[in-house]
Amino acid sequence: TAIDNGPMAEGLMDTGLVQHLMADGFTYKPRQPVDWM
């Protein structure tokens, strides 16, 4: 999952390997605990 308020590259999104959440990565709060990379 990619959390970014900007657009993702079309080629990346076409792979189907990435889910894009259009949000500010600095203020995003996930529903469940996650490991940030």
Foldseek 3Di string as FASTA:
>chain_A
DAEALDDDDPVVVVVVPDDYDNDHPVPDDDPDDDDDD
